[in-house]
Amino acid sequence: MTVVKLSIDYDAFEEGKRIETEIEQLSNSPEAAAVSSLTIGDWGQAYENSPEDAIQALVKHSASFPALRRLFIGEMGYEECEISWITQTDLSPLLPAYPELQSLTVQGGTNLRLSQLQHDKLEELIIITGGLGKNVLADIAAANLPNLQKLELYLGVDNYGFDGGLEDLYPLIEPGKFPKLTYLGLKNSEIQDEIAAALADAPILDQLETLDLSLGTLSDTGAEALLASPRIKGLKLLNLSRHYMSDGLIERWKKSGLPVDVSDQQKTDDDDDWRYPSITE
């Protein structure tokens, strides 16, 4: 098992270093056949360049990475590029190129698409953004992922790209859509209360082990709906961490006996009860 990260910093990019060359060199190295986890970090000024060249190189050299099971596109810190500035592209070509892939993680939502999301063995899909577009939600809703077990979406805010609503999330939780799904994360959202209320009595809870609604703007409104739901009793974990619930409701959760995480309470200091998710810009 070999874990590799490739990244091009600002100075290296200015000097002519390119991510596609790094991928090609890795593909020709003795360790290529053993690479099980590959992370593509900054591909060079990601705030204005997409990873299109990296995707093409990964597809071209896919035969060199037969052991690849985990792929992360866009892993970079804010000092390299703010998450809302990361320019993505359509990542669909990666899926047929790596039929044994089990996990795909993407960071950054600008221009992101997954237009032909089909894969027989993908078990985990994680998309981390400050704002996820409804076109990507539609791509996921239209996907054919029969083995998907974990779906984790950082939805974000409208100022940074989230232009959807509950109507765009409902297709993701239809019974039978992802028959093996046991972890659902609809998190880091500015409509966390609405999502909580919609999920409180959703049939998909009957198949889930973990429901993750963390990092968003959850208040007593959404939490009350969840607390009143008999379906949440079947969960092994309900993650509500980083929330805006009151002290009283936190205490009710603690006394409920349910496996719930209510850590990291946030406070608002203004009269308008202004709340925001954890990750935006």
Protein backbone atom coordinates (compact mmCIF):
# COMPACT_ATOMS: atom_id res chain seq x y z
CA MET A 1 0.00 0.00 0.00
CA THR A 2 1.40 3.37 -1.06
CA VAL A 3 -0.10 6.78 -0.29
CA VAL A 4 0.95 9.66 -2.54
CA LYS A 5 0.14 13.36 -2.76
CA LEU A 6 1.06 15.50 -5.75
CA SER A 7 0.93 19.27 -5.58
CA ILE A 8 2.32 22.30 -7.43
CA ASP A 9 2.84 25.44 -5.38
CA TYR A 10 2.72 28.98 -6.77
CA ASP A 11 6.44 29.39 -7.31
CA ALA A 12 6.84 25.98 -8.95
CA PHE A 13 3.96 26.72 -11.31
CA GLU A 14 5.49 30.06 -12.24
CA GLU A 15 8.72 28.25 -13.02
CA GLY A 16 6.90 25.92 -15.43
CA LYS A 17 6.23 22.86 -13.29
CA ARG A 18 2.96 21.14 -14.24
CA ILE A 19 0.75 18.62 -12.47
CA GLU A 20 0.27 16.44 -15.56
CA THR A 21 4.04 15.97 -15.74
CA GLU A 22 4.12 14.93 -12.09
CA ILE A 23 1.38 12.36 -12.74
CA GLU A 24 3.23 11.01 -15.76
CA GLN A 25 6.47 10.70 -13.80
CA LEU A 26 4.65 8.89 -11.01
CA SER A 27 3.05 6.54 -13.54
CA ASN A 28 6.51 5.61 -14.83
CA SER A 29 7.97 5.03 -11.36
CA PRO A 30 8.43 1.61 -9.71
CA GLU A 31 5.95 2.53 -6.96
CA ALA A 32 3.07 3.31 -9.35
CA ALA A 33 1.61 -0.19 -9.27
CA ALA A 34 1.38 -0.07 -5.46
CA VAL A 35 -0.33 3.35 -5.18
CA SER A 36 -3.60 2.73 -3.35
CA SER A 37 -4.38 6.31 -2.34
CA LEU A 38 -3.63 9.34 -4.49
CA THR A 39 -4.25 12.96 -3.54
CA ILE A 40 -4.05 15.80 -6.02
CA GLY A 41 -3.44 19.02 -4.13
CA ASP A 42 -2.96 22.41 -5.74
CA TRP A 43 -2.50 21.84 -9.48
CA GLY A 44 -1.11 25.35 -9.86
CA GLN A 45 -3.02 28.55 -9.14
CA ALA A 46 -6.27 26.66 -8.65
CA TYR A 47 -8.13 29.93 -8.14
CA GLU A 48 -8.03 30.43 -11.91
CA ASN A 49 -6.98 27.06 -13.38
CA SER A 50 -9.10 23.91 -13.42
CA PRO A 51 -7.65 20.41 -12.88
CA GLU A 52 -8.57 19.44 -16.44
CA ASP A 53 -4.96 18.58 -17.34
CA ALA A 54 -4.65 16.49 -14.18
CA ILE A 55 -7.84 14.60 -14.99
CA GLN A 56 -6.70 13.90 -18.54
CA ALA A 57 -3.33 12.65 -17.27
CA LEU A 58 -4.97 10.39 -14.67
CA VAL A 59 -7.22 8.91 -17.34
CA LYS A 60 -4.35 8.49 -19.81
CA HIS A 61 -2.13 6.71 -17.29
CA SER A 62 -4.80 4.77 -15.40
CA ALA A 63 -3.30 1.41 -16.37
CA SER A 64 -0.23 2.34 -14.33
CA PHE A 65 -2.28 2.52 -11.11
CA PRO A 66 -4.08 -0.85 -10.81
CA ALA A 67 -4.15 -0.69 -6.99
CA LEU A 68 -5.73 2.76 -6.74
CA ARG A 69 -8.74 2.69 -4.44
CA ARG A 70 -8.89 6.21 -2.97
CA LEU A 71 -8.68 9.46 -4.93
CA PHE A 72 -8.85 13.04 -3.61
CA ILE A 73 -9.03 15.91 -6.08
CA GLY A 74 -8.37 19.38 -4.64
CA GLU A 75 -6.87 18.86 -1.19
CA MET A 76 -5.40 22.26 -0.31
CA GLY A 77 -5.42 24.69 2.58
CA TYR A 78 -6.67 28.29 2.58
CA GLU A 79 -3.11 29.60 2.27
CA GLU A 80 -2.93 27.87 -1.12
CA CYS A 81 -6.48 28.67 -2.20
CA GLU A 82 -9.68 29.53 -0.37
CA ILE A 83 -12.13 26.65 -0.70
CA SER A 84 -14.71 28.79 -2.52
CA TRP A 85 -12.08 29.87 -5.05
CA ILE A 86 -10.98 26.37 -6.08
CA THR A 87 -11.83 25.88 -9.74
CA GLN A 88 -13.01 22.38 -10.55
CA THR A 89 -14.20 20.67 -13.74
CA ASP A 90 -16.26 17.66 -14.82
CA LEU A 91 -14.66 14.72 -13.01
CA SER A 92 -16.80 12.04 -14.66
CA PRO A 93 -14.01 10.70 -16.94
CA LEU A 94 -12.20 9.40 -13.86
CA LEU A 95 -14.88 6.86 -13.02
CA PRO A 96 -14.65 4.51 -16.00
CA ALA A 97 -10.85 4.88 -16.00
CA TYR A 98 -10.65 3.43 -12.47
CA PRO A 99 -13.23 0.64 -12.20
CA GLU A 100 -11.83 -0.57 -8.86
CA LEU A 101 -12.03 2.86 -7.20
CA GLN A 102 -13.78 2.78 -3.81
CA SER A 103 -13.53 6.37 -2.57
CA LEU A 104 -13.69 9.73 -4.33
CA THR A 105 -13.26 12.99 -2.43
CA VAL A 106 -13.51 16.40 -4.08
CA GLN A 107 -12.79 19.81 -2.58
CA GLY A 108 -14.06 22.95 -4.28
CA GLY A 109 -17.34 23.51 -6.07
CA THR A 110 -16.69 26.18 -8.70
CA ASN A 111 -17.48 24.67 -12.14
CA LEU A 112 -17.69 21.21 -10.59
CA ARG A 113 -19.70 18.60 -12.47
CA LEU A 114 -20.16 14.84 -12.20
CA SER A 115 -22.23 14.60 -15.33
CA GLN A 116 -22.00 10.83 -15.88
CA LEU A 117 -21.72 9.46 -12.39
CA GLN A 118 -21.77 5.70 -12.84
CA HIS A 119 -19.60 3.21 -10.99
CA ASP A 120 -20.23 -0.32 -9.76
CA LYS A 121 -17.73 -0.33 -6.87
CA LEU A 122 -17.60 3.22 -5.52
CA GLU A 123 -18.41 3.06 -1.81
CA GLU A 124 -17.72 6.62 -0.72
CA LEU A 125 -18.38 10.03 -2.27
CA ILE A 126 -17.37 13.16 -0.37
CA ILE A 127 -17.71 16.69 -1.76
CA ILE A 128 -16.36 19.55 0.36
CA THR A 129 -17.41 23.03 -0.70
CA GLY A 130 -18.35 26.45 0.59
CA GLY A 131 -21.32 26.26 -1.76
CA LEU A 132 -22.48 23.26 -3.80
CA GLY A 133 -24.43 23.97 -6.98
CA LYS A 134 -27.79 22.33 -7.65
CA ASN A 135 -26.47 21.05 -10.96
CA VAL A 136 -24.05 18.83 -9.02
CA LEU A 137 -26.88 17.69 -6.77
CA ALA A 138 -28.78 16.78 -9.93
CA ASP A 139 -25.75 14.85 -11.19
CA ILE A 140 -25.69 12.83 -7.97
CA ALA A 141 -29.43 12.28 -8.06
CA ALA A 142 -29.08 10.86 -11.59
CA ALA A 143 -26.11 8.68 -10.63
CA ASN A 144 -25.90 4.92 -10.78
CA LEU A 145 -23.86 3.94 -7.71
CA PRO A 146 -25.23 0.59 -6.53
CA ASN A 147 -22.47 0.04 -3.95
CA LEU A 148 -22.41 3.53 -2.43
CA GLN A 149 -22.27 3.32 1.36
CA LYS A 150 -21.25 6.86 2.31
CA LEU A 151 -22.47 10.13 0.80
CA GLU A 152 -21.10 13.26 2.47
CA LEU A 153 -21.95 16.66 1.02
CA TYR A 154 -20.82 20.03 2.40
CA LEU A 155 -23.62 22.21 1.03
CA GLY A 156 -22.44 25.67 2.04
CA VAL A 157 -24.13 29.00 1.36
CA ASP A 158 -25.62 30.84 -1.59
CA ASN A 159 -22.93 33.54 -1.56
CA TYR A 160 -20.39 30.88 -2.51
CA GLY A 161 -22.36 28.68 -4.88
CA PHE A 162 -25.22 26.89 -3.12
CA ASP A 163 -28.18 27.73 -5.32
CA GLY A 164 -30.45 24.84 -4.43
CA GLY A 165 -33.08 23.99 -1.87
CA LEU A 166 -34.89 21.05 -0.35
CA GLU A 167 -36.38 20.19 -3.73
CA ASP A 168 -32.86 19.44 -4.95
CA LEU A 169 -32.07 17.21 -1.97
CA TYR A 170 -35.23 15.11 -1.97
CA PRO A 171 -34.12 12.96 -4.94
CA LEU A 172 -31.00 11.96 -2.97
CA ILE A 173 -33.06 10.44 -0.15
CA GLU A 174 -35.63 8.55 -2.17
CA PRO A 175 -36.05 4.95 -0.97
CA GLY A 176 -33.96 2.60 -3.05
CA LYS A 177 -31.86 5.35 -4.64
CA PHE A 178 -28.68 4.15 -2.95
CA PRO A 179 -29.62 0.75 -1.53
CA LYS A 180 -26.39 0.19 0.42
CA LEU A 181 -26.12 3.68 1.89
CA THR A 182 -25.47 3.65 5.65
CA TYR A 183 -23.91 7.11 6.12
CA LEU A 184 -25.62 10.26 4.90
CA GLY A 185 -24.05 13.65 5.49
CA LEU A 186 -25.99 16.73 4.39
CA LYS A 187 -23.92 19.16 6.37
CA ASN A 188 -22.32 22.60 6.56
CA SER A 189 -25.61 24.10 5.37
CA GLU A 190 -27.37 27.41 5.83
CA ILE A 191 -30.72 25.55 5.56
CA GLN A 192 -29.81 22.95 8.18
CA ASP A 193 -33.13 23.36 10.03
CA GLU A 194 -35.10 22.67 6.85
CA ILE A 195 -32.96 19.63 6.07
CA ALA A 196 -33.40 18.29 9.60
CA ALA A 197 -37.18 18.66 9.43
CA ALA A 198 -37.31 16.97 6.02
CA LEU A 199 -35.22 14.03 7.20
CA ALA A 200 -36.91 13.59 10.56
CA ASP A 201 -39.48 11.13 9.22
CA ALA A 202 -37.84 10.16 5.93
CA PRO A 203 -37.87 6.42 5.14
CA ILE A 204 -34.14 6.53 4.32
CA LEU A 205 -33.45 6.74 8.07
CA ASP A 206 -34.49 3.10 8.33
CA GLN A 207 -31.37 2.01 6.40
CA LEU A 208 -28.89 4.50 7.83
CA GLU A 209 -26.41 3.93 10.63
CA THR A 210 -25.12 7.52 10.66
CA LEU A 211 -26.93 10.76 9.89
CA ASP A 212 -24.55 13.72 9.81
CA LEU A 213 -26.09 17.21 9.96
CA SER A 214 -23.06 18.84 11.54
CA LEU A 215 -21.22 22.11 10.82
CA GLY A 216 -24.33 24.03 9.79
CA THR A 217 -26.90 26.42 11.21
CA LEU A 218 -29.02 23.87 13.09
CA SER A 219 -31.13 25.51 15.80
CA ASP A 220 -33.89 24.32 18.14
CA THR A 221 -36.33 24.41 15.22
CA GLY A 222 -34.69 21.59 13.28
CA ALA A 223 -33.54 19.75 16.38
CA GLU A 224 -37.08 19.58 17.77
CA ALA A 225 -38.25 17.84 14.60
CA LEU A 226 -35.49 15.26 14.92
CA LEU A 227 -36.08 14.71 18.61
CA ALA A 228 -39.74 13.97 17.93
CA SER A 229 -38.94 11.38 15.26
CA PRO A 230 -39.16 7.69 16.18
CA ARG A 231 -37.02 6.83 13.15
CA ILE A 232 -33.84 8.35 14.61
CA LYS A 233 -33.86 5.70 17.33
CA GLY A 234 -32.42 3.21 14.86
CA LEU A 235 -29.30 5.29 14.19
CA LYS A 236 -25.93 4.36 15.61
CA LEU A 237 -24.86 8.02 15.44
CA LEU A 238 -26.67 11.29 14.90
CA ASN A 239 -24.02 13.97 14.40
CA LEU A 240 -25.34 17.45 15.18
CA SER A 241 -22.03 18.95 16.24
CA ARG A 242 -21.22 22.61 15.61
CA HIS A 243 -24.78 23.87 16.02
CA TYR A 244 -26.89 26.73 17.40
CA MET A 245 -29.15 24.80 19.75
CA SER A 246 -30.09 26.23 23.11
CA ASP A 247 -28.77 24.93 26.43
CA GLY A 248 -32.18 23.49 27.20
CA LEU A 249 -32.39 21.45 24.03
CA ILE A 250 -28.83 20.20 24.43
CA GLU A 251 -29.80 18.92 27.86
CA ARG A 252 -32.85 17.16 26.40
CA TRP A 253 -30.64 15.40 23.87
CA LYS A 254 -28.26 14.28 26.60
CA LYS A 255 -31.16 12.84 28.59
CA SER A 256 -32.67 11.12 25.54
CA GLY A 257 -30.29 8.18 25.67
CA LEU A 258 -29.78 8.48 21.93
CA PRO A 259 -26.30 8.26 20.31
CA VAL A 260 -26.10 11.94 19.43
CA ASP A 261 -23.17 14.35 19.20
CA VAL A 262 -24.22 17.84 20.33
CA SER A 263 -20.75 19.24 20.92
CA ASP A 264 -19.41 22.61 19.76
CA GLN A 265 -22.37 24.86 20.54
CA GLN A 266 -22.28 28.22 18.75
CA LYS A 267 -23.67 31.48 20.07
CA THR A 268 -25.07 34.47 18.21
CA ASP A 269 -24.40 37.95 19.51
CA ASP A 270 -26.76 39.98 17.35
CA ASP A 271 -30.48 40.66 17.52
CA ASP A 272 -31.10 39.08 14.11
CA ASP A 273 -29.89 35.66 15.26
CA TRP A 274 -27.38 35.59 12.41
CA ARG A 275 -26.05 32.05 11.90
CA TYR A 276 -23.57 30.67 9.42
CA PRO A 277 -22.06 27.28 8.54
CA SER A 278 -18.54 26.30 9.48
CA ILE A 279 -17.05 26.33 5.96
CA THR A 280 -18.01 29.04 3.50
CA GLU A 281 -15.11 30.95 1.95
